[in-house]
Every structure is written in structure tokens, then in C-alpha cells.
Amino acid sequence: MCPKDNVIVCLCSLHHKIPEAAKSLFTNAFKVHQLATFGNRKKTSWIFPKVFIDPTALTEEELYDLRDRWATCFLQLYNPEVDYDDADEKD
């Protein structure tokens, strides 16, 4: 979810649709955020990428690496002055 850009990306490895009640909840929350923050209401964009080809479970190491990459990506979006890739390296 990116309230700043009013975009929600829904990832499902099984390609299931998001329940309408959940979609409505997030869409309404974004409308309130837009109104409170910017004084207007932009339409929420939903993105449903079909990026999962292999349905097998990830190993613990692969899952950790995936979470680490996503966290780094989001941190760089909101604080680009810090190089998070070098944060784990010791001098």
C-alpha cells in the first residue's frame, strides 16, 4: 500500500481475488486519507500483478531474502538519502 501515491498492490501466489469487503475497506481508508491530507479524493489504483509462476513454497532462507529485499525497497522509497544495502556491512 502506498497512500502517498494512492496505490495498492495485491500479491497472491495462488492468484485469488481479494474479497470485496477487504477491497472496500482499503479503498475507503485511502479516500479518507486523501481527503484529510490533500483536501480532495483521488481514485485508488489497484494493481494485481501475476508474478508467481512456481506454486512451491519458499525455503526459510529464500523467504528471509525476499522480505529483506522488499523492506529495503520500501525504505529507499521513503528515505533515499540512506544506503540500506550497505547498512549490514561492518567497517
Protein backbone atom coordinates (compact mmCIF):
# COMPACT_ATOMS: atom_id res chain seq x y z
CA MET A 1 0.00 0.00 0.00
CA CYS A 2 1.28 3.44 -0.87
CA PRO A 3 -1.02 6.15 0.50
CA LYS A 4 1.25 8.86 -0.94
CA ASP A 5 0.56 7.66 -4.50
CA ASN A 6 -2.89 6.21 -3.67
CA VAL A 7 -1.88 2.79 -5.00
CA ILE A 8 -2.48 -0.67 -3.59
CA VAL A 9 -0.64 -3.69 -4.95
CA CYS A 10 -2.25 -7.04 -4.18
CA LEU A 11 0.07 -10.04 -4.41
CA CYS A 12 -1.36 -13.53 -4.15
CA SER A 13 0.74 -16.54 -5.03
CA LEU A 14 -2.45 -18.52 -5.64
CA HIS A 15 -3.97 -15.76 -7.82
CA HIS A 16 -7.07 -15.45 -5.64
CA LYS A 17 -9.15 -12.30 -5.84
CA ILE A 18 -9.26 -10.04 -2.81
CA PRO A 19 -12.63 -10.23 -1.01
CA GLU A 20 -14.88 -7.28 -1.88
CA ALA A 21 -15.24 -6.35 1.81
CA ALA A 22 -11.45 -6.05 2.16
CA LYS A 23 -11.14 -4.11 -1.08
CA SER A 24 -13.88 -1.73 0.04
CA LEU A 25 -12.22 -1.26 3.44
CA PHE A 26 -8.86 -0.29 1.93
CA THR A 27 -10.44 1.89 -0.78
CA ASN A 28 -12.48 3.82 1.80
CA ALA A 29 -9.46 4.23 4.07
CA PHE A 30 -7.50 5.71 1.18
CA LYS A 31 -10.39 8.08 0.35
CA VAL A 32 -10.37 9.36 3.93
CA HIS A 33 -6.58 9.72 3.84
CA GLN A 34 -6.72 11.68 0.58
CA LEU A 35 -9.45 13.97 1.90
CA ALA A 36 -7.68 14.60 5.22
CA THR A 37 -4.23 15.05 3.70
CA PHE A 38 -4.86 16.80 0.41
CA GLY A 39 -8.42 18.09 0.65
CA ASN A 40 -9.52 16.03 -2.36
CA ARG A 41 -10.28 12.42 -3.19
CA LYS A 42 -8.25 10.66 -5.84
CA LYS A 43 -9.38 7.28 -7.07
CA THR A 44 -7.39 4.42 -5.55
CA SER A 45 -5.43 2.42 -8.10
CA TRP A 46 -5.36 -1.33 -7.58
CA ILE A 47 -2.61 -3.41 -9.18
CA PHE A 48 -2.89 -7.20 -9.37
CA PRO A 49 0.40 -8.49 -10.82
CA LYS A 50 0.60 -12.11 -11.91
CA VAL A 51 4.23 -12.65 -10.93
CA PHE A 52 4.06 -16.05 -9.28
CA ILE A 53 4.73 -18.92 -11.67
CA ASP A 54 6.00 -21.62 -9.32
CA PRO A 55 3.48 -22.62 -6.62
CA THR A 56 6.03 -24.41 -4.42
CA ALA A 57 6.79 -22.96 -1.00
CA LEU A 58 9.91 -20.86 -0.45
CA THR A 59 12.65 -22.04 1.87
CA GLU A 60 13.22 -20.09 5.08
CA GLU A 61 16.36 -18.55 3.55
CA GLU A 62 14.52 -17.53 0.34
CA LEU A 63 11.66 -16.06 2.37
CA TYR A 64 14.07 -14.07 4.56
CA ASP A 65 15.87 -12.77 1.47
CA LEU A 66 12.56 -11.78 -0.16
CA ARG A 67 11.40 -9.91 2.97
CA ASP A 68 14.77 -8.18 3.23
CA ARG A 69 14.60 -7.03 -0.40
CA TRP A 70 11.05 -5.70 -0.03
CA ALA A 71 11.92 -3.86 3.19
CA THR A 72 14.98 -2.32 1.55
CA CYS A 73 12.90 -1.26 -1.44
CA PHE A 74 10.27 0.48 0.70
CA LEU A 75 12.86 2.14 2.93
CA GLN A 76 14.65 3.52 -0.13
CA LEU A 77 11.36 4.94 -1.44
CA TYR A 78 10.74 6.90 1.74
CA ASN A 79 14.31 7.75 2.76
CA PRO A 80 16.55 7.74 -0.34
CA GLU A 81 19.43 9.51 1.45
CA VAL A 82 20.37 6.33 3.34
CA ASP A 83 22.07 3.43 1.54
CA TYR A 84 20.32 0.48 3.19
CA ASP A 85 22.26 -2.09 1.14
CA ASP A 86 25.47 -1.07 2.95
CA ALA A 87 23.88 -0.89 6.41
CA ASP A 88 24.74 -4.50 7.24
CA GLU A 89 28.38 -4.20 6.22
CA LYS A 90 30.86 -3.66 9.02
CA ASP A 91 33.90 -1.40 8.75
